[in-house]
Amino acid sequence: MAHNSTPLGDTVRAYRRTAGWTQERLAEEAGLSLGTVRNIEQRGHARLDTLSQVAQAFDVPTSALFAPGVPHPVGEDDSANRQLLASLRQALMPPVGIEGENLADPGEAADIPAIRRSIEDALSLYNSDRYESVALMLPGLLRQADAAVLVAEEEERQREATLVRAHALLLAGKYLTQVRQYDMAYQALVEGIRLGRELDSTLTAATGVTGLCWLLLRQDRFDEAERLAATTAEAIEPKLSTASLGELAAWGELCLRVAAAAIRNNRDDEAEQARRMAATAASAMGHEHRDYRTHWGRFGPATVEVKSVEDLSLAGDAHGVLSRKDKGLLSKESLEAVGRPAAINWYRHRLDIAKAHVKVGSTQDAMEELGRIRKRAPSWIRHQPMARYVMEDILKTRKRTLTRDMRQMAGFLNVRA
């Protein structure tokens, strides 16, 4: 029987035939519909969570199913993005001559404490879902940090200016990863890691590695993300009895990255071990902690818990997700005692809950979760493919006429109703 040839479809088909399975058998083993399996093999496209189910059926890492191919055409909004990012790109990636000289206008140097305050302000805006404000601040912030390094003469002053520049770059990398500008994010993060390493600022470099692992996860580069996070975590593993909160948080965050990569790559044992290590760090801390000068993200017991629930979501255990909703470490009382996770981690957790509601047939509960996230973080949710997937599933399972809220949410998330 003739079939369309796509890299992913060919790979899945080859694994299926090696196993001696029909498409019906693969659908049964993976917990998918026959139509989904046929769509993967014929059209060569699948969501990551669907592909993970196929990999689990074959008992191989998810990354084993990835295959090279020609990328899809650039979207119509690419020119708009080029214009919106022009200033940031100029500040982050200036032209360089054949002798290595930076040909960009260095701008005016600001006082180092003032640059630090600007970084803190920009990070607060980022955590408050005010991405447009961050985008406006970053170009000038990067230029000021570059200029501060150029004018610093004393060795200690040079070190302070370079460290501030590293922090500005890590902030840029964090923001650019969030808005899916991955090449620019990579440039910022790698340069920030290099500067941290040159300064012997282990925590600065480790923070950059944590960000780079997140970027690799966003690109489905699970093997590389897990290896990078694991080797870095091993290198900086602290002595729990004497470690500072920043050291514990940096190590714990890297353990979370190991777990996130492993669970997505069908390596459950490695993920569980890394989760236990992260929980050990969080337990030693006792509460949520954040200090951008030692680590970017908020880390503590509640953060580890939401990431554990995320594992259940990725495994397709909707009932497990809902059974831990707003209970234990995530109860109102516990969150008041130990502190809340970072807003982004919390919103991602609520998307997991919305996804679980859809899976058990509670579309109205899922809509309420999406509505609450949209109200509190409209910029964030529009950048989340998972939010669109949840909305698509709501539309597929809805048997009656769509409600007004459903049509509005579909439009907001750019999902065809």
Protein backbone atom coordinates (compact mmCIF):
# COMPACT_ATOMS: atom_id res chain seq x y z
CA MET A 1 0.00 0.00 0.00
CA ALA A 2 1.45 3.38 -0.98
CA HIS A 3 1.98 5.92 1.75
CA ASN A 4 3.28 9.46 2.09
CA SER A 5 6.91 9.72 3.15
CA THR A 6 7.86 12.02 6.02
CA PRO A 7 10.87 11.70 8.36
CA LEU A 8 8.77 11.19 11.50
CA GLY A 9 6.25 8.94 9.77
CA ASP A 10 9.00 6.77 8.32
CA THR A 11 10.72 6.46 11.71
CA VAL A 12 7.56 5.46 13.57
CA ARG A 13 6.60 3.05 10.80
CA ALA A 14 10.07 1.43 10.95
CA TYR A 15 9.84 0.92 14.72
CA ARG A 16 6.33 -0.50 14.36
CA ARG A 17 7.35 -2.98 11.70
CA THR A 18 10.44 -4.02 13.66
CA ALA A 19 8.13 -4.79 16.58
CA GLY A 20 5.91 -6.75 14.22
CA TRP A 21 2.90 -4.61 15.08
CA THR A 22 -0.03 -3.44 13.03
CA GLN A 23 -1.18 0.16 13.35
CA GLU A 24 -4.04 -1.13 15.47
CA ARG A 25 -1.59 -2.81 17.86
CA LEU A 26 0.51 0.35 18.16
CA ALA A 27 -2.59 2.39 18.91
CA GLU A 28 -3.55 -0.08 21.65
CA GLU A 29 -0.05 -0.21 23.18
CA ALA A 30 0.33 3.60 23.13
CA GLY A 31 -3.17 4.36 24.37
CA LEU A 32 -3.99 6.33 21.22
CA SER A 33 -6.70 6.17 18.63
CA LEU A 34 -6.05 4.39 15.35
CA GLY A 35 -6.66 7.67 13.56
CA THR A 36 -3.87 9.34 15.54
CA VAL A 37 -1.39 6.60 14.65
CA ARG A 38 -2.36 6.80 10.97
CA ASN A 39 -1.99 10.57 11.07
CA ILE A 40 1.53 10.30 12.52
CA GLU A 41 2.66 7.81 9.89
CA GLN A 42 0.99 9.54 6.96
CA ARG A 43 1.45 13.22 7.80
CA GLY A 44 4.54 13.03 10.00
CA HIS A 45 3.25 15.35 12.70
CA ALA A 46 2.39 14.84 16.38
CA ARG A 47 2.33 16.72 19.62
CA LEU A 48 5.21 15.98 21.91
CA ASP A 49 3.01 14.28 24.53
CA THR A 50 1.54 12.04 21.81
CA LEU A 51 5.01 11.19 20.53
CA SER A 52 6.08 10.38 24.07
CA GLN A 53 3.25 7.83 24.32
CA VAL A 54 4.45 6.21 21.09
CA ALA A 55 8.02 6.09 22.44
CA GLN A 56 6.82 4.47 25.67
CA ALA A 57 5.03 1.80 23.64
CA PHE A 58 8.28 1.04 21.79
CA ASP A 59 10.28 1.35 25.05
CA VAL A 60 12.71 3.85 23.53
CA PRO A 61 13.62 7.45 24.41
CA THR A 62 11.30 9.99 22.84
CA SER A 63 14.30 11.53 21.07
CA ALA A 64 14.82 8.24 19.19
CA LEU A 65 11.75 9.11 17.10
CA PHE A 66 13.04 12.52 16.02
CA ALA A 67 14.27 12.68 12.44
CA PRO A 68 15.78 15.50 10.37
CA GLY A 69 13.68 17.16 7.72
CA VAL A 70 13.03 20.40 5.88
CA PRO A 71 11.54 23.02 8.25
CA HIS A 72 8.11 24.45 7.59
CA PRO A 73 7.95 27.82 5.83
CA VAL A 74 8.44 30.90 7.97
CA GLY A 75 5.15 32.39 9.12
CA GLU A 76 3.72 35.57 7.76
CA ASP A 77 4.53 37.47 10.96
CA ASP A 78 8.29 36.92 10.64
CA SER A 79 8.87 40.38 9.17
CA ALA A 80 6.96 41.92 12.06
CA ASN A 81 9.12 40.03 14.55
CA ARG A 82 12.29 41.20 12.80
CA GLN A 83 11.17 44.79 13.22
CA LEU A 84 10.07 44.35 16.84
CA LEU A 85 13.36 42.69 17.78
CA ALA A 86 15.69 44.94 15.76
CA SER A 87 16.88 47.06 18.70
CA LEU A 88 17.42 44.06 20.94
CA ARG A 89 19.25 42.21 18.19
CA GLN A 90 21.54 45.21 17.64
CA ALA A 91 22.39 45.34 21.35
CA LEU A 92 22.87 41.60 21.68
CA MET A 93 24.55 40.76 18.37
CA PRO A 94 26.54 43.81 17.17
CA PRO A 95 28.53 43.70 13.92
CA VAL A 96 32.12 42.54 14.37
CA GLY A 97 35.03 43.35 12.03
CA ILE A 98 37.81 41.07 10.83
CA GLU A 99 40.06 42.20 13.67
CA GLY A 100 37.43 41.35 16.25
CA GLU A 101 36.42 44.91 16.95
CA ASN A 102 32.83 45.64 17.96
CA LEU A 103 31.49 48.14 15.42
CA ALA A 104 28.37 49.08 17.36
CA ASP A 105 27.90 52.41 19.12
CA PRO A 106 28.90 51.63 22.73
CA GLY A 107 26.37 54.07 24.16
CA GLU A 108 26.68 55.78 27.53
CA ALA A 109 27.85 53.95 30.61
CA ALA A 110 25.51 53.99 33.58
CA ASP A 111 26.48 53.60 37.20
CA ILE A 112 26.82 49.92 38.09
CA PRO A 113 24.35 50.05 41.01
CA ALA A 114 21.86 51.75 38.66
CA ILE A 115 22.26 48.92 36.14
CA ARG A 116 21.70 46.38 38.91
CA ARG A 117 18.50 48.14 39.90
CA SER A 118 17.37 48.14 36.27
CA ILE A 119 17.98 44.39 36.06
CA GLU A 120 15.91 43.87 39.21
CA ASP A 121 13.15 46.09 37.81
CA ALA A 122 13.14 44.25 34.48
CA LEU A 123 13.05 40.87 36.22
CA SER A 124 10.08 42.03 38.32
CA LEU A 125 8.31 43.13 35.14
CA TYR A 126 9.06 39.77 33.54
CA ASN A 127 7.67 37.91 36.55
CA SER A 128 4.60 40.16 36.41
CA ASP A 129 3.87 39.13 32.79
CA ARG A 130 4.77 42.57 31.42
CA TYR A 131 6.79 41.38 28.45
CA GLU A 132 6.37 44.53 26.40
CA SER A 133 7.98 46.57 29.16
CA VAL A 134 10.86 44.09 29.38
CA ALA A 135 11.35 44.29 25.62
CA LEU A 136 11.57 48.07 25.83
CA MET A 137 14.12 47.97 28.67
CA LEU A 138 16.49 45.28 27.44
CA PRO A 139 18.27 47.02 24.52
CA GLY A 140 19.28 50.02 26.63
CA LEU A 141 20.16 47.79 29.57
CA LEU A 142 22.51 45.66 27.47
CA ARG A 143 24.18 48.73 25.96
CA GLN A 144 24.67 50.30 29.37
CA ALA A 145 26.23 47.09 30.69
CA ASP A 146 28.57 46.87 27.67
CA ALA A 147 29.60 50.50 28.11
CA ALA A 148 30.21 50.01 31.84
CA VAL A 149 32.73 47.27 31.04
CA LEU A 150 34.49 49.48 28.49
CA VAL A 151 34.99 52.42 30.86
CA ALA A 152 35.91 50.43 33.98
CA GLU A 153 39.62 50.86 34.72
CA GLU A 154 40.30 49.38 38.14
CA GLU A 155 40.41 45.60 38.28
CA GLU A 156 37.67 45.31 40.92
CA ARG A 157 35.49 47.77 39.02
CA GLN A 158 36.04 45.78 35.83
CA ARG A 159 34.95 42.62 37.61
CA GLU A 160 31.78 44.26 38.96
CA ALA A 161 30.89 45.64 35.54
CA THR A 162 31.50 42.27 33.85
CA LEU A 163 29.33 40.47 36.40
CA VAL A 164 26.53 42.98 35.82
CA ARG A 165 26.88 42.45 32.08
CA ALA A 166 26.59 38.68 32.63
CA HIS A 167 23.39 39.20 34.62
CA ALA A 168 21.95 41.45 31.90
CA LEU A 169 22.70 38.78 29.30
CA LEU A 170 21.08 36.05 31.40
CA LEU A 171 17.98 38.19 31.76
CA ALA A 172 17.88 38.68 27.99
CA GLY A 173 18.29 34.93 27.48
CA LYS A 174 15.46 34.19 29.89
CA TYR A 175 13.10 36.63 28.19
CA LEU A 176 14.01 35.53 24.66
CA THR A 177 13.51 31.86 25.52
CA GLN A 178 10.09 32.67 26.93
CA VAL A 179 9.02 34.41 23.70
CA ARG A 180 10.59 31.63 21.61
CA GLN A 181 13.40 33.58 19.98
CA TYR A 182 15.76 30.70 20.53
CA ASP A 183 18.79 31.67 18.45
CA MET A 184 19.04 35.05 20.14
CA ALA A 185 18.42 33.45 23.54
CA TYR A 186 21.26 30.98 22.92
CA GLN A 187 23.61 33.84 22.07
CA ALA A 188 22.77 35.67 25.30
CA LEU A 189 22.93 32.63 27.57
CA VAL A 190 26.19 31.25 26.21
CA GLU A 191 27.88 34.63 26.55
CA GLY A 192 26.54 35.00 30.09
CA ILE A 193 27.85 31.52 30.99
CA ARG A 194 31.26 32.39 29.50
CA LEU A 195 31.52 35.57 31.54
CA GLY A 196 30.48 33.79 34.72
CA ARG A 197 33.11 31.13 34.11
CA GLU A 198 35.83 33.71 33.44
CA LEU A 199 34.96 35.50 36.69
CA ASP A 200 34.97 32.22 38.66
CA SER A 201 31.38 33.07 39.57
CA THR A 202 30.11 29.51 39.73
CA LEU A 203 26.53 30.40 40.57
CA THR A 204 26.30 32.93 37.72
CA ALA A 205 27.53 30.32 35.24
CA ALA A 206 25.22 27.68 36.75
CA THR A 207 22.27 30.05 36.43
CA GLY A 208 23.10 30.44 32.75
CA VAL A 209 23.28 26.67 32.35
CA THR A 210 19.85 26.32 33.97
CA GLY A 211 18.49 28.78 31.42
CA LEU A 212 20.24 27.01 28.56
CA CYS A 213 18.75 23.69 29.66
CA TRP A 214 15.30 25.28 29.52
CA LEU A 215 16.04 26.48 26.00
CA LEU A 216 17.17 22.98 24.98
CA LEU A 217 13.97 21.53 26.45
CA ARG A 218 11.95 24.02 24.42
CA GLN A 219 13.72 22.71 21.31
CA ASP A 220 13.05 19.04 22.24
CA ARG A 221 16.80 18.45 22.72
CA PHE A 222 16.21 16.17 25.70
CA ASP A 223 19.46 14.17 25.71
CA GLU A 224 21.59 17.31 25.62
CA ALA A 225 19.51 19.09 28.26
CA GLU A 226 19.69 16.14 30.66
CA ARG A 227 23.44 15.66 30.17
CA LEU A 228 24.21 19.37 30.56
CA ALA A 229 22.09 19.75 33.69
CA ALA A 230 23.41 16.54 35.26
CA THR A 231 27.09 17.31 34.73
CA THR A 232 26.65 20.86 36.01
CA ALA A 233 24.67 19.71 39.05
CA GLU A 234 27.39 17.19 39.86
CA ALA A 235 30.05 19.89 39.56
CA ILE A 236 28.34 22.29 41.97
CA GLU A 237 26.67 19.82 44.37
CA PRO A 238 26.80 21.53 47.77
CA LYS A 239 27.26 20.17 51.26
CA LEU A 240 23.73 20.44 52.60
CA SER A 241 24.74 21.31 56.15
CA THR A 242 26.82 24.35 55.18
CA ALA A 243 25.45 25.45 51.80
CA SER A 244 23.91 28.88 51.33
CA LEU A 245 20.33 29.22 50.13
CA GLY A 246 21.63 30.36 46.74
CA GLU A 247 23.83 27.27 46.38
CA LEU A 248 21.01 24.94 47.35
CA ALA A 249 18.60 26.68 44.97
CA ALA A 250 21.02 26.62 42.02
CA TRP A 251 21.72 22.91 42.54
CA GLY A 252 18.05 22.11 43.07
CA GLU A 253 17.01 23.93 39.91
CA LEU A 254 19.55 21.96 37.88
CA CYS A 255 18.14 18.73 39.34
CA LEU A 256 14.69 19.86 38.20
CA ARG A 257 16.08 20.37 34.69
CA VAL A 258 17.52 16.84 34.72
CA ALA A 259 14.11 15.49 35.72
CA ALA A 260 12.24 17.59 33.16
CA ALA A 261 14.46 16.36 30.34
CA ALA A 262 14.39 12.73 31.47
CA ILE A 263 10.61 12.48 31.94
CA ARG A 264 10.04 13.93 28.47
CA ASN A 265 12.51 11.45 27.04
CA ASN A 266 10.86 8.34 28.52
CA ARG A 267 13.58 7.94 31.17
CA ASP A 268 11.37 7.65 34.22
CA ASP A 269 13.96 6.20 36.63
CA GLU A 270 16.42 9.04 35.98
CA ALA A 271 13.63 11.59 36.36
CA GLU A 272 12.53 10.13 39.70
CA GLN A 273 16.07 10.16 41.06
CA ALA A 274 16.58 13.78 40.01
CA ARG A 275 13.23 14.77 41.57
CA ARG A 276 14.36 13.21 44.86
CA MET A 277 17.58 15.22 44.78
CA ALA A 278 15.64 18.43 44.09
CA ALA A 279 13.30 17.61 46.98
CA THR A 280 16.32 17.13 49.25
CA ALA A 281 17.57 20.62 48.38
CA ALA A 282 14.10 22.12 48.87
CA SER A 283 13.68 20.39 52.23
CA ALA A 284 17.03 21.76 53.42
CA MET A 285 15.86 25.26 52.47
CA GLY A 286 12.42 24.96 54.00
CA HIS A 287 10.83 27.74 51.97
CA GLU A 288 10.76 29.31 48.52
CA HIS A 289 13.79 31.48 47.78
CA ARG A 290 14.80 33.84 44.99
CA ASP A 291 17.84 36.06 44.52
CA TYR A 292 18.78 36.88 40.94
CA ARG A 293 22.45 37.36 41.87
CA THR A 294 22.75 33.67 42.78
CA HIS A 295 19.95 32.06 40.77
CA TRP A 296 17.11 33.39 38.61
CA GLY A 297 14.15 31.27 39.49
CA ARG A 298 12.19 30.91 42.71
CA PHE A 299 13.01 27.52 44.20
CA GLY A 300 11.73 25.62 47.22
CA PRO A 301 9.29 22.91 48.37
CA ALA A 302 6.28 24.25 46.44
CA THR A 303 8.28 24.51 43.19
CA VAL A 304 9.41 20.90 43.50
CA GLU A 305 5.81 19.82 44.12
CA VAL A 306 4.36 21.54 41.04
CA LYS A 307 7.10 19.95 38.95
CA SER A 308 6.24 16.53 40.39
CA VAL A 309 2.62 17.09 39.37
CA GLU A 310 3.89 18.08 35.92
CA ASP A 311 5.47 14.61 35.66
CA LEU A 312 2.03 13.08 36.19
CA SER A 313 0.59 15.32 33.48
CA LEU A 314 3.30 14.33 31.02
CA ALA A 315 2.61 10.68 31.81
CA GLY A 316 -1.06 11.22 31.00
CA ASP A 317 -2.23 10.58 34.58
CA ALA A 318 -5.10 13.09 34.71
CA HIS A 319 -6.60 11.62 37.88
CA GLY A 320 -3.20 11.81 39.59
CA VAL A 321 -2.90 15.49 38.67
CA LEU A 322 -6.36 16.32 39.98
CA SER A 323 -5.86 14.32 43.18
CA ARG A 324 -2.99 16.63 44.17
CA LYS A 325 -4.69 19.86 43.09
CA ASP A 326 -4.64 22.43 45.90
CA LYS A 327 -3.59 19.82 48.46
CA GLY A 328 -0.51 19.08 50.55
CA LEU A 329 2.32 21.46 49.72
CA LEU A 330 0.02 23.21 47.23
CA SER A 331 -2.76 23.91 49.70
CA LYS A 332 -3.50 27.51 50.56
CA GLU A 333 -2.17 27.06 54.09
CA SER A 334 1.08 25.47 52.94
CA LEU A 335 1.70 28.09 50.27
CA GLU A 336 1.25 30.82 52.87
CA ALA A 337 3.81 29.06 55.09
CA VAL A 338 6.56 28.15 52.59
CA GLY A 339 5.87 30.67 49.83
CA ARG A 340 4.50 30.38 46.32
CA PRO A 341 6.39 29.13 43.26
CA ALA A 342 7.38 31.61 40.57
CA ALA A 343 4.37 32.86 38.64
CA ILE A 344 5.43 31.10 35.44
CA ASN A 345 5.76 27.74 37.22
CA TRP A 346 2.39 28.28 38.88
CA TYR A 347 0.62 29.13 35.63
CA ARG A 348 2.21 26.11 33.95
CA HIS A 349 0.88 24.00 36.84
CA ARG A 350 -2.62 25.38 36.31
CA LEU A 351 -2.37 24.49 32.61
CA ASP A 352 -1.59 20.92 33.70
CA ILE A 353 -4.78 21.02 35.77
CA ALA A 354 -6.79 22.38 32.81
CA LYS A 355 -5.40 19.60 30.61
CA ALA A 356 -6.37 17.00 33.22
CA HIS A 357 -9.91 18.40 33.44
CA VAL A 358 -10.33 18.03 29.67
CA LYS A 359 -9.06 14.46 29.78
CA VAL A 360 -11.66 13.44 32.37
CA GLY A 361 -14.41 15.29 30.51
CA SER A 362 -14.73 18.42 32.70
CA THR A 363 -14.47 21.01 29.95
CA GLN A 364 -16.12 23.75 32.00
CA ASP A 365 -13.53 23.34 34.77
CA ALA A 366 -10.80 23.50 32.12
CA MET A 367 -12.27 26.69 30.71
CA GLU A 368 -12.36 28.25 34.16
CA GLU A 369 -8.65 27.46 34.64
CA LEU A 370 -7.78 28.98 31.26
CA GLY A 371 -9.88 32.03 32.07
CA ARG A 372 -8.10 32.62 35.38
CA ILE A 373 -4.69 32.33 33.75
CA ARG A 374 -5.70 34.67 30.94
CA LYS A 375 -6.90 37.25 33.44
CA ARG A 376 -3.65 37.17 35.43
CA ALA A 377 -1.07 36.51 32.69
CA PRO A 378 -2.46 37.28 29.21
CA SER A 379 0.96 37.78 27.60
CA TRP A 380 2.33 34.56 29.06
CA ILE A 381 -0.53 32.31 28.05
CA ARG A 382 -0.50 33.51 24.44
CA HIS A 383 3.07 32.19 24.12
CA GLN A 384 2.13 28.71 25.42
CA PRO A 385 1.48 25.96 22.86
CA MET A 386 0.07 23.88 25.69
CA ALA A 387 -2.70 26.42 26.21
CA ARG A 388 -3.61 26.12 22.53
CA TYR A 389 -3.55 22.31 22.76
CA VAL A 390 -5.90 22.40 25.75
CA MET A 391 -8.25 24.71 23.87
CA GLU A 392 -8.13 22.52 20.76
CA ASP A 393 -9.05 19.49 22.88
CA ILE A 394 -11.93 21.39 24.47
CA LEU A 395 -13.27 22.21 21.01
CA LYS A 396 -12.90 18.60 19.86
CA THR A 397 -14.73 17.16 22.84
CA ARG A 398 -17.50 19.77 22.94
CA LYS A 399 -20.71 18.18 21.63
CA ARG A 400 -23.02 21.14 22.10
CA THR A 401 -22.79 24.61 20.61
CA LEU A 402 -19.71 26.51 21.76
CA THR A 403 -20.24 29.00 24.53
CA ARG A 404 -19.32 32.63 24.12
CA ASP A 405 -16.36 32.15 26.51
CA MET A 406 -15.08 29.28 24.40
CA ARG A 407 -15.23 31.29 21.18
CA GLN A 408 -13.49 34.23 22.83
CA MET A 409 -10.74 32.07 24.34
CA ALA A 410 -10.20 30.27 21.03
CA GLY A 411 -9.81 33.61 19.29
CA PHE A 412 -7.46 34.91 21.95
CA LEU A 413 -5.22 31.82 21.67
CA ASN A 414 -5.44 31.85 17.85
CA VAL A 415 -7.21 28.48 17.76
CA ARG A 416 -9.71 27.94 14.99
CA ALA A 417 -13.15 27.37 16.51
